[in-house]
Amino acid sequence: MTKKQVLILVVLACSVFCVLCCGGYIAISEEIATQPTEIRGRRTPTRRKPTPTPQFPTVIYKVTQGCSGGGPADGRKMGVDVTMNTTPGNTIQRELYFWPDKKDDPNAKYPTVWWEWEYKFQAKRGQFLYLSVQNNEPLGWVKCEIYSGGKLIDTALSEGEYVIASCSGKAE
């Protein structure tokens, strides 16, 4: 037997071993084979890695304030105080104000005035989330909502003078 014949036999033996023991993938050159081969008339399934779940879902804090009766008669601004955490140990406090704008039928006797504000950030899965909203007005209502990964985690609504609405939960 010549060296060339021995080399061919070794390559064939390795190929058969690869087909039988390694799931049907054959690499005859330095490149990795990507196409599965058929064994006994059926196709070897292609192996795929599962899609990983994101470790840092998007969290949305949503604040809404409103009042019936058209808001302040003098056209002054309305506002809320917001307290929220974005990362463990990090608490943010903000005063938010807006000038009323009628949102429903302008011909209504007591139109409703409202506005919304959102804050988005990335949170670690399982992280504690907290949002508190205080109405800075002697009338109206405030609402808070927490979303994590597109899912509503918690919501609260309070109505009256200087009331507080608080939401909490864990990032999912």
N, C-alpha and C. Protein backbone atom coordinates (compact mmCIF):
# COMPACT_ATOMS: atom_id res chain seq x y z
N MET A 1 0.83 -1.17 0.00
CA MET A 1 0.00 0.00 0.00
C MET A 1 0.89 1.25 0.00
N THR A 2 0.53 2.19 -0.83
CA THR A 2 1.31 3.41 -0.92
C THR A 2 0.84 4.41 0.14
N LYS A 3 1.65 5.41 0.34
CA LYS A 3 1.30 6.45 1.32
C LYS A 3 0.00 7.14 0.92
N LYS A 4 -0.19 7.35 -0.36
CA LYS A 4 -1.40 8.00 -0.84
C LYS A 4 -2.63 7.16 -0.52
N GLN A 5 -2.56 5.85 -0.70
CA GLN A 5 -3.69 4.97 -0.41
C GLN A 5 -3.98 4.93 1.10
N VAL A 6 -2.94 4.94 1.91
CA VAL A 6 -3.12 4.95 3.37
C VAL A 6 -3.81 6.25 3.79
N LEU A 7 -3.38 7.35 3.21
CA LEU A 7 -3.98 8.64 3.52
C LEU A 7 -5.46 8.67 3.15
N ILE A 8 -5.82 8.12 1.99
CA ILE A 8 -7.21 8.07 1.56
C ILE A 8 -8.03 7.22 2.53
N LEU A 9 -7.51 6.08 2.94
CA LEU A 9 -8.21 5.20 3.89
C LEU A 9 -8.42 5.90 5.24
N VAL A 10 -7.41 6.63 5.70
CA VAL A 10 -7.53 7.36 6.98
C VAL A 10 -8.62 8.43 6.87
N VAL A 11 -8.63 9.18 5.79
CA VAL A 11 -9.64 10.21 5.58
C VAL A 11 -11.03 9.59 5.53
N LEU A 12 -11.19 8.46 4.82
CA LEU A 12 -12.49 7.80 4.74
C LEU A 12 -12.91 7.27 6.11
N ALA A 13 -11.99 6.68 6.84
CA ALA A 13 -12.32 6.16 8.17
C ALA A 13 -12.74 7.30 9.10
N CYS A 14 -12.04 8.41 9.04
CA CYS A 14 -12.40 9.57 9.87
C CYS A 14 -13.78 10.11 9.47
N SER A 15 -14.07 10.12 8.18
CA SER A 15 -15.36 10.62 7.71
C SER A 15 -16.50 9.74 8.21
N VAL A 16 -16.33 8.42 8.12
CA VAL A 16 -17.35 7.49 8.60
C VAL A 16 -17.54 7.66 10.11
N PHE A 17 -16.45 7.79 10.84
CA PHE A 17 -16.51 7.99 12.29
C PHE A 17 -17.28 9.27 12.61
N CYS A 18 -17.00 10.32 11.87
CA CYS A 18 -17.66 11.61 12.09
C CYS A 18 -19.15 11.50 11.83
N VAL A 19 -19.55 10.83 10.77
CA VAL A 19 -20.96 10.67 10.42
C VAL A 19 -21.67 9.86 11.50
N LEU A 20 -21.06 8.81 11.99
CA LEU A 20 -21.72 7.94 12.96
C LEU A 20 -21.70 8.50 14.38
N CYS A 21 -20.67 9.20 14.75
CA CYS A 21 -20.51 9.61 16.15
C CYS A 21 -20.71 11.09 16.41
N CYS A 22 -20.60 11.91 15.42
CA CYS A 22 -20.61 13.37 15.67
C CYS A 22 -21.82 14.07 15.07
N GLY A 23 -22.90 13.37 14.89
CA GLY A 23 -24.11 14.02 14.42
C GLY A 23 -24.16 14.29 12.93
N GLY A 24 -23.28 13.74 12.17
CA GLY A 24 -23.38 13.83 10.73
C GLY A 24 -22.70 15.02 10.09
N TYR A 25 -21.90 15.76 10.80
CA TYR A 25 -21.19 16.89 10.21
C TYR A 25 -19.81 16.44 9.77
N ILE A 26 -19.45 16.74 8.53
CA ILE A 26 -18.17 16.30 7.99
C ILE A 26 -17.34 17.53 7.61
N ALA A 27 -16.09 17.52 8.05
CA ALA A 27 -15.18 18.60 7.69
C ALA A 27 -13.95 17.98 7.05
N ILE A 28 -13.82 18.14 5.74
CA ILE A 28 -12.70 17.55 5.03
C ILE A 28 -11.58 18.56 4.88
N SER A 29 -11.89 19.83 5.01
CA SER A 29 -10.87 20.85 4.93
C SER A 29 -10.80 21.57 6.28
N GLU A 30 -10.14 22.71 6.33
CA GLU A 30 -10.03 23.47 7.56
C GLU A 30 -11.35 24.17 7.90
N GLU A 31 -12.25 24.30 6.93
CA GLU A 31 -13.53 24.92 7.19
C GLU A 31 -14.46 23.96 7.92
N ILE A 32 -15.33 24.51 8.74
CA ILE A 32 -16.28 23.67 9.47
C ILE A 32 -17.50 23.46 8.58
N ALA A 33 -17.93 22.22 8.48
CA ALA A 33 -19.11 21.91 7.67
C ALA A 33 -20.34 22.45 8.36
N THR A 34 -21.24 23.03 7.58
CA THR A 34 -22.45 23.61 8.16
C THR A 34 -23.71 22.87 7.74
N GLN A 35 -23.62 22.00 6.76
CA GLN A 35 -24.78 21.28 6.29
C GLN A 35 -24.82 19.88 6.90
N PRO A 36 -25.95 19.48 7.50
CA PRO A 36 -26.05 18.14 8.04
C PRO A 36 -26.14 17.11 6.92
N THR A 37 -25.68 15.92 7.18
CA THR A 37 -25.77 14.84 6.19
C THR A 37 -26.93 13.94 6.55
N GLU A 38 -27.33 13.08 5.61
CA GLU A 38 -28.41 12.16 5.88
C GLU A 38 -27.86 10.84 6.37
N ILE A 39 -28.53 10.29 7.37
CA ILE A 39 -28.16 8.98 7.90
C ILE A 39 -29.40 8.11 7.84
N ARG A 40 -29.32 6.99 7.17
CA ARG A 40 -30.43 6.04 7.04
C ARG A 40 -31.72 6.71 6.58
N GLY A 41 -31.61 7.60 5.62
CA GLY A 41 -32.78 8.18 5.01
C GLY A 41 -33.44 9.32 5.78
N ARG A 42 -32.90 9.74 6.92
CA ARG A 42 -33.49 10.87 7.62
C ARG A 42 -32.44 11.95 7.84
N ARG A 43 -32.90 13.13 7.97
CA ARG A 43 -32.00 14.27 8.08
C ARG A 43 -31.67 14.53 9.55
N THR A 44 -30.40 14.78 9.82
CA THR A 44 -29.97 15.12 11.18
C THR A 44 -30.43 16.55 11.46
N PRO A 45 -31.08 16.80 12.60
CA PRO A 45 -31.55 18.16 12.88
C PRO A 45 -30.41 19.15 13.06
N THR A 46 -30.65 20.37 12.61
CA THR A 46 -29.67 21.44 12.78
C THR A 46 -29.74 21.92 14.22
N ARG A 47 -28.59 22.09 14.83
CA ARG A 47 -28.54 22.54 16.23
C ARG A 47 -28.57 24.06 16.28
N ARG A 48 -29.47 24.60 17.13
CA ARG A 48 -29.57 26.05 17.28
C ARG A 48 -29.52 26.39 18.76
N LYS A 49 -28.86 27.49 19.06
CA LYS A 49 -28.81 27.96 20.44
C LYS A 49 -30.12 28.66 20.77
N PRO A 50 -30.66 28.46 21.97
CA PRO A 50 -31.88 29.18 22.34
C PRO A 50 -31.62 30.68 22.46
N THR A 51 -32.64 31.46 22.15
CA THR A 51 -32.53 32.92 22.26
C THR A 51 -32.51 33.30 23.74
N PRO A 52 -31.48 33.98 24.18
CA PRO A 52 -31.41 34.34 25.61
C PRO A 52 -32.44 35.40 25.99
N THR A 53 -32.93 35.32 27.21
CA THR A 53 -33.85 36.32 27.75
C THR A 53 -33.02 37.55 28.12
N PRO A 54 -33.47 38.75 27.74
CA PRO A 54 -32.68 39.93 28.08
C PRO A 54 -32.53 40.09 29.58
N GLN A 55 -31.32 40.40 30.03
CA GLN A 55 -31.05 40.56 31.45
C GLN A 55 -31.45 41.93 31.95
N PHE A 56 -31.60 42.89 31.03
CA PHE A 56 -31.92 44.26 31.42
C PHE A 56 -33.16 44.73 30.67
N PRO A 57 -34.36 44.40 31.18
CA PRO A 57 -35.58 44.83 30.48
C PRO A 57 -35.77 46.34 30.58
N THR A 58 -36.50 46.89 29.60
CA THR A 58 -36.83 48.31 29.62
C THR A 58 -37.97 48.55 30.61
N VAL A 59 -37.77 49.50 31.50
CA VAL A 59 -38.78 49.88 32.48
C VAL A 59 -39.33 51.25 32.10
N ILE A 60 -40.65 51.41 32.19
CA ILE A 60 -41.27 52.70 31.92
C ILE A 60 -42.08 53.12 33.15
N TYR A 61 -41.74 54.29 33.67
CA TYR A 61 -42.54 54.92 34.72
C TYR A 61 -43.45 55.93 34.01
N LYS A 62 -44.75 55.83 34.25
CA LYS A 62 -45.69 56.73 33.59
C LYS A 62 -46.50 57.47 34.65
N VAL A 63 -46.57 58.81 34.51
CA VAL A 63 -47.29 59.68 35.44
C VAL A 63 -48.37 60.41 34.65
N THR A 64 -49.59 60.44 35.20
CA THR A 64 -50.69 61.18 34.58
C THR A 64 -51.33 62.05 35.65
N GLN A 65 -51.62 63.29 35.31
CA GLN A 65 -52.33 64.20 36.22
C GLN A 65 -53.49 64.80 35.46
N GLY A 66 -54.60 65.02 36.16
CA GLY A 66 -55.74 65.63 35.49
C GLY A 66 -56.74 66.17 36.47
N CYS A 67 -57.72 66.88 35.94
CA CYS A 67 -58.81 67.38 36.77
C CYS A 67 -60.01 67.64 35.88
N SER A 68 -61.18 67.50 36.46
CA SER A 68 -62.42 67.83 35.76
C SER A 68 -62.76 69.28 36.04
N GLY A 69 -63.53 69.87 35.18
CA GLY A 69 -63.92 71.25 35.39
C GLY A 69 -62.99 72.24 34.74
N GLY A 70 -62.07 71.78 33.91
CA GLY A 70 -61.25 72.70 33.14
C GLY A 70 -59.96 73.14 33.77
N GLY A 71 -59.63 72.67 34.96
CA GLY A 71 -58.36 73.02 35.58
C GLY A 71 -58.43 74.38 36.25
N PRO A 72 -57.27 74.90 36.60
CA PRO A 72 -57.23 76.20 37.28
C PRO A 72 -57.88 77.28 36.43
N ALA A 73 -58.80 78.05 37.04
CA ALA A 73 -59.54 79.07 36.30
C ALA A 73 -58.64 80.18 35.80
N ASP A 74 -57.54 80.45 36.51
CA ASP A 74 -56.67 81.55 36.12
C ASP A 74 -55.64 81.14 35.06
N GLY A 75 -55.73 79.89 34.56
CA GLY A 75 -54.82 79.45 33.51
C GLY A 75 -53.40 79.18 33.99
N ARG A 76 -53.17 79.14 35.31
CA ARG A 76 -51.81 78.89 35.82
C ARG A 76 -51.42 77.44 35.60
N LYS A 77 -50.15 77.19 35.78
CA LYS A 77 -49.64 75.84 35.59
C LYS A 77 -50.11 74.90 36.70
N MET A 78 -50.16 73.60 36.35
CA MET A 78 -50.48 72.54 37.31
C MET A 78 -49.21 71.72 37.49
N GLY A 79 -49.11 70.98 38.59
CA GLY A 79 -47.88 70.22 38.77
C GLY A 79 -48.00 69.07 39.74
N VAL A 80 -46.96 68.24 39.71
CA VAL A 80 -46.83 67.08 40.60
C VAL A 80 -45.40 66.99 41.09
N ASP A 81 -45.22 66.32 42.22
CA ASP A 81 -43.89 65.93 42.70
C ASP A 81 -43.74 64.44 42.44
N VAL A 82 -42.63 64.04 41.85
CA VAL A 82 -42.38 62.64 41.52
C VAL A 82 -41.15 62.15 42.27
N THR A 83 -41.26 60.98 42.91
CA THR A 83 -40.12 60.32 43.54
C THR A 83 -40.03 58.93 42.91
N MET A 84 -38.82 58.55 42.45
CA MET A 84 -38.65 57.25 41.78
C MET A 84 -37.24 56.73 41.99
N ASN A 85 -37.10 55.41 41.91
CA ASN A 85 -35.76 54.83 41.92
C ASN A 85 -35.49 54.24 40.55
N THR A 86 -34.24 54.38 40.10
CA THR A 86 -33.86 53.85 38.79
C THR A 86 -32.82 52.76 38.89
N THR A 87 -31.97 52.83 39.88
CA THR A 87 -30.99 51.77 40.15
C THR A 87 -30.95 51.59 41.66
N PRO A 88 -30.51 50.43 42.16
CA PRO A 88 -30.47 50.24 43.60
C PRO A 88 -29.68 51.36 44.28
N GLY A 89 -30.30 52.01 45.26
CA GLY A 89 -29.64 53.08 45.98
C GLY A 89 -29.73 54.44 45.33
N ASN A 90 -30.40 54.55 44.18
CA ASN A 90 -30.49 55.81 43.46
C ASN A 90 -31.94 56.27 43.43
N THR A 91 -32.27 57.32 44.16
CA THR A 91 -33.61 57.88 44.19
C THR A 91 -33.59 59.25 43.53
N ILE A 92 -34.55 59.50 42.66
CA ILE A 92 -34.66 60.77 41.94
C ILE A 92 -35.95 61.44 42.36
N GLN A 93 -35.89 62.75 42.62
CA GLN A 93 -37.08 63.53 42.91
C GLN A 93 -37.17 64.67 41.90
N ARG A 94 -38.36 64.87 41.36
CA ARG A 94 -38.56 65.92 40.37
C ARG A 94 -39.89 66.61 40.60
N GLU A 95 -39.93 67.90 40.26
CA GLU A 95 -41.18 68.65 40.20
C GLU A 95 -41.52 68.80 38.73
N LEU A 96 -42.70 68.40 38.34
CA LEU A 96 -43.13 68.49 36.95
C LEU A 96 -44.33 69.42 36.87
N TYR A 97 -44.31 70.34 35.90
CA TYR A 97 -45.41 71.28 35.73
C TYR A 97 -45.85 71.32 34.28
N PHE A 98 -47.10 71.70 34.07
CA PHE A 98 -47.60 71.89 32.71
C PHE A 98 -48.69 72.95 32.74
N TRP A 99 -48.96 73.51 31.58
CA TRP A 99 -50.04 74.48 31.45
C TRP A 99 -51.23 73.74 30.84
N PRO A 100 -52.40 73.85 31.45
CA PRO A 100 -53.57 73.06 31.02
C PRO A 100 -53.91 73.24 29.55
N ASP A 101 -54.38 72.14 28.98
CA ASP A 101 -54.85 72.10 27.60
C ASP A 101 -56.06 71.18 27.59
N LYS A 102 -57.19 71.67 27.05
CA LYS A 102 -58.41 70.85 27.07
C LYS A 102 -58.22 69.62 26.18
N LYS A 103 -58.53 68.42 26.73
CA LYS A 103 -58.28 67.18 26.00
C LYS A 103 -59.55 66.55 25.43
N ASP A 104 -60.73 66.94 25.92
CA ASP A 104 -61.92 66.37 25.29
C ASP A 104 -62.77 67.47 24.68
N ASP A 105 -64.04 67.25 24.50
CA ASP A 105 -64.93 68.16 23.78
C ASP A 105 -64.80 69.60 24.28
N PRO A 106 -64.34 70.53 23.42
CA PRO A 106 -64.17 71.92 23.86
C PRO A 106 -65.50 72.60 24.20
N ASN A 107 -66.61 72.02 23.75
CA ASN A 107 -67.92 72.58 24.05
C ASN A 107 -68.53 72.02 25.32
N ALA A 108 -67.86 71.07 25.97
CA ALA A 108 -68.38 70.48 27.19
C ALA A 108 -68.42 71.53 28.30
N LYS A 109 -69.42 71.40 29.17
CA LYS A 109 -69.57 72.36 30.26
C LYS A 109 -68.40 72.28 31.23
N TYR A 110 -67.95 71.05 31.55
CA TYR A 110 -66.82 70.84 32.47
C TYR A 110 -65.78 69.97 31.78
N PRO A 111 -64.97 70.53 30.90
CA PRO A 111 -63.97 69.71 30.18
C PRO A 111 -62.92 69.13 31.13
N THR A 112 -62.36 68.01 30.71
CA THR A 112 -61.31 67.36 31.48
C THR A 112 -59.95 67.82 30.97
N VAL A 113 -59.08 68.15 31.88
CA VAL A 113 -57.72 68.55 31.55
C VAL A 113 -56.79 67.47 32.10
N TRP A 114 -55.84 67.00 31.29
CA TRP A 114 -54.89 66.00 31.78
C TRP A 114 -53.60 66.06 30.96
N TRP A 115 -52.55 65.48 31.51
CA TRP A 115 -51.26 65.40 30.83
C TRP A 115 -50.53 64.16 31.31
N GLU A 116 -49.56 63.69 30.51
CA GLU A 116 -48.79 62.48 30.84
C GLU A 116 -47.30 62.77 30.73
N TRP A 117 -46.53 62.01 31.48
CA TRP A 117 -45.07 62.08 31.45
C TRP A 117 -44.53 60.67 31.61
N GLU A 118 -43.47 60.32 30.86
CA GLU A 118 -42.84 59.00 30.94
C GLU A 118 -41.36 59.12 31.18
N TYR A 119 -40.82 58.13 31.90
CA TYR A 119 -39.39 58.03 32.12
C TYR A 119 -38.99 56.59 31.82
N LYS A 120 -38.04 56.40 30.89
CA LYS A 120 -37.62 55.05 30.49
C LYS A 120 -36.17 54.81 30.91
N PHE A 121 -35.88 53.57 31.33
CA PHE A 121 -34.52 53.18 31.67
C PHE A 121 -34.42 51.66 31.65
N GLN A 122 -33.19 51.15 31.70
CA GLN A 122 -32.93 49.71 31.76
C GLN A 122 -32.73 49.31 33.21
N ALA A 123 -33.37 48.21 33.62
CA ALA A 123 -33.23 47.73 35.00
C ALA A 123 -32.79 46.27 34.98
N LYS A 124 -32.12 45.87 36.01
CA LYS A 124 -31.70 44.49 36.14
C LYS A 124 -32.91 43.64 36.54
N ARG A 125 -33.05 42.47 35.93
CA ARG A 125 -34.15 41.57 36.23
C ARG A 125 -34.22 41.32 37.74
N GLY A 126 -35.40 41.48 38.34
CA GLY A 126 -35.59 41.29 39.77
C GLY A 126 -35.36 42.54 40.60
N GLN A 127 -34.93 43.63 39.97
CA GLN A 127 -34.67 44.88 40.69
C GLN A 127 -35.98 45.48 41.22
N PHE A 128 -35.94 46.01 42.44
CA PHE A 128 -37.10 46.66 43.03
C PHE A 128 -37.36 47.99 42.33
N LEU A 129 -38.62 48.24 41.99
CA LEU A 129 -39.03 49.47 41.30
C LEU A 129 -40.02 50.23 42.17
N TYR A 130 -39.90 51.56 42.20
CA TYR A 130 -40.78 52.38 43.02
C TYR A 130 -41.05 53.70 42.33
N LEU A 131 -42.32 54.12 42.34
CA LEU A 131 -42.73 55.39 41.76
C LEU A 131 -43.82 55.98 42.64
N SER A 132 -43.65 57.24 43.03
CA SER A 132 -44.63 57.94 43.86
C SER A 132 -44.92 59.29 43.23
N VAL A 133 -46.20 59.67 43.16
CA VAL A 133 -46.62 60.91 42.54
C VAL A 133 -47.54 61.66 43.50
N GLN A 134 -47.23 62.93 43.79
CA GLN A 134 -48.09 63.73 44.65
C GLN A 134 -48.69 64.87 43.84
N ASN A 135 -49.99 65.03 43.97
CA ASN A 135 -50.70 66.12 43.32
C ASN A 135 -50.36 67.43 44.04
N ASN A 136 -49.92 68.44 43.34
CA ASN A 136 -49.60 69.74 43.93
C ASN A 136 -50.74 70.73 43.79
N GLU A 137 -51.94 70.22 43.62
CA GLU A 137 -53.10 71.07 43.37
C GLU A 137 -54.21 70.78 44.38
N PRO A 138 -55.07 71.77 44.64
CA PRO A 138 -56.18 71.56 45.55
C PRO A 138 -57.36 70.82 44.91
N LEU A 139 -57.20 70.40 43.65
CA LEU A 139 -58.23 69.63 42.97
C LEU A 139 -57.56 68.68 41.99
N GLY A 140 -58.30 67.70 41.49
CA GLY A 140 -57.78 66.82 40.46
C GLY A 140 -57.36 65.45 40.96
N TRP A 141 -56.62 64.75 40.12
CA TRP A 141 -56.19 63.38 40.41
C TRP A 141 -54.80 63.14 39.83
N VAL A 142 -54.13 62.11 40.36
CA VAL A 142 -52.83 61.67 39.84
C VAL A 142 -52.85 60.16 39.71
N LYS A 143 -52.10 59.67 38.74
CA LYS A 143 -52.03 58.24 38.47
C LYS A 143 -50.59 57.86 38.18
N CYS A 144 -50.15 56.72 38.71
CA CYS A 144 -48.81 56.22 38.39
C CYS A 144 -48.94 54.82 37.82
N GLU A 145 -48.02 54.47 36.91
CA GLU A 145 -47.99 53.14 36.29
C GLU A 145 -46.53 52.73 36.13
N ILE A 146 -46.23 51.44 36.36
CA ILE A 146 -44.90 50.89 36.13
C ILE A 146 -45.03 49.75 35.14
N TYR A 147 -44.25 49.82 34.05
CA TYR A 147 -44.19 48.75 33.05
C TYR A 147 -42.78 48.19 33.02
N SER A 148 -42.66 46.88 32.88
CA SER A 148 -41.35 46.24 32.74
C SER A 148 -41.44 45.23 31.61
N GLY A 149 -40.57 45.40 30.61
CA GLY A 149 -40.61 44.50 29.45
C GLY A 149 -41.94 44.52 28.74
N GLY A 150 -42.65 45.65 28.75
CA GLY A 150 -43.93 45.77 28.08
C GLY A 150 -45.12 45.29 28.91
N LYS A 151 -44.87 44.79 30.10
CA LYS A 151 -45.93 44.25 30.96
C LYS A 151 -46.21 45.22 32.11
N LEU A 152 -47.51 45.49 32.39
CA LEU A 152 -47.89 46.36 33.49
C LEU A 152 -47.58 45.65 34.81
N ILE A 153 -46.75 46.28 35.64
CA ILE A 153 -46.36 45.70 36.94
C ILE A 153 -47.28 46.20 38.04
N ASP A 154 -47.56 47.52 38.09
CA ASP A 154 -48.42 48.07 39.13
C ASP A 154 -48.98 49.40 38.66
N THR A 155 -50.14 49.77 39.20
CA THR A 155 -50.77 51.05 38.89
C THR A 155 -51.54 51.53 40.12
N ALA A 156 -51.64 52.84 40.28
CA ALA A 156 -52.39 53.42 41.39
C ALA A 156 -52.97 54.75 40.94
N LEU A 157 -54.14 55.10 41.49
CA LEU A 157 -54.83 56.34 41.16
C LEU A 157 -55.34 56.94 42.47
N SER A 158 -55.10 58.24 42.66
CA SER A 158 -55.60 58.95 43.84
C SER A 158 -56.24 60.25 43.38
N GLU A 159 -57.35 60.62 44.03
CA GLU A 159 -58.07 61.83 43.65
C GLU A 159 -58.30 62.71 44.86
N GLY A 160 -58.04 64.01 44.70
CA GLY A 160 -58.29 64.96 45.77
C GLY A 160 -57.13 65.93 45.97
N GLU A 161 -57.25 66.72 47.06
CA GLU A 161 -56.23 67.73 47.36
C GLU A 161 -54.91 67.09 47.78
N TYR A 162 -53.88 67.38 47.07
CA TYR A 162 -52.51 67.02 47.44
C TYR A 162 -52.33 65.53 47.74
N VAL A 163 -53.07 64.68 47.08
CA VAL A 163 -53.01 63.24 47.31
C VAL A 163 -51.75 62.63 46.72
N ILE A 164 -51.43 61.40 47.14
CA ILE A 164 -50.26 60.67 46.64
C ILE A 164 -50.71 59.34 46.08
N ALA A 165 -50.16 58.98 44.92
CA ALA A 165 -50.36 57.65 44.32
C ALA A 165 -48.98 56.99 44.27
N SER A 166 -48.89 55.75 44.79
CA SER A 166 -47.60 55.05 44.83
C SER A 166 -47.72 53.69 44.15
N CYS A 167 -46.68 53.33 43.38
CA CYS A 167 -46.59 52.04 42.70
C CYS A 167 -45.25 51.40 43.04
N SER A 168 -45.22 50.06 43.08
CA SER A 168 -43.96 49.36 43.28
C SER A 168 -44.06 47.96 42.70
N GLY A 169 -42.92 47.32 42.54
CA GLY A 169 -42.86 45.97 42.00
C GLY A 169 -41.43 45.60 41.67
N LYS A 170 -41.26 44.50 40.93
CA LYS A 170 -39.93 44.05 40.53
C LYS A 170 -39.85 43.97 39.02
N ALA A 171 -38.69 44.31 38.48
CA ALA A 171 -38.46 44.25 37.04
C ALA A 171 -38.52 42.80 36.58
N GLU A 172 -39.19 42.57 35.46
CA GLU A 172 -39.34 41.22 34.91
C GLU A 172 -38.62 41.06 33.61
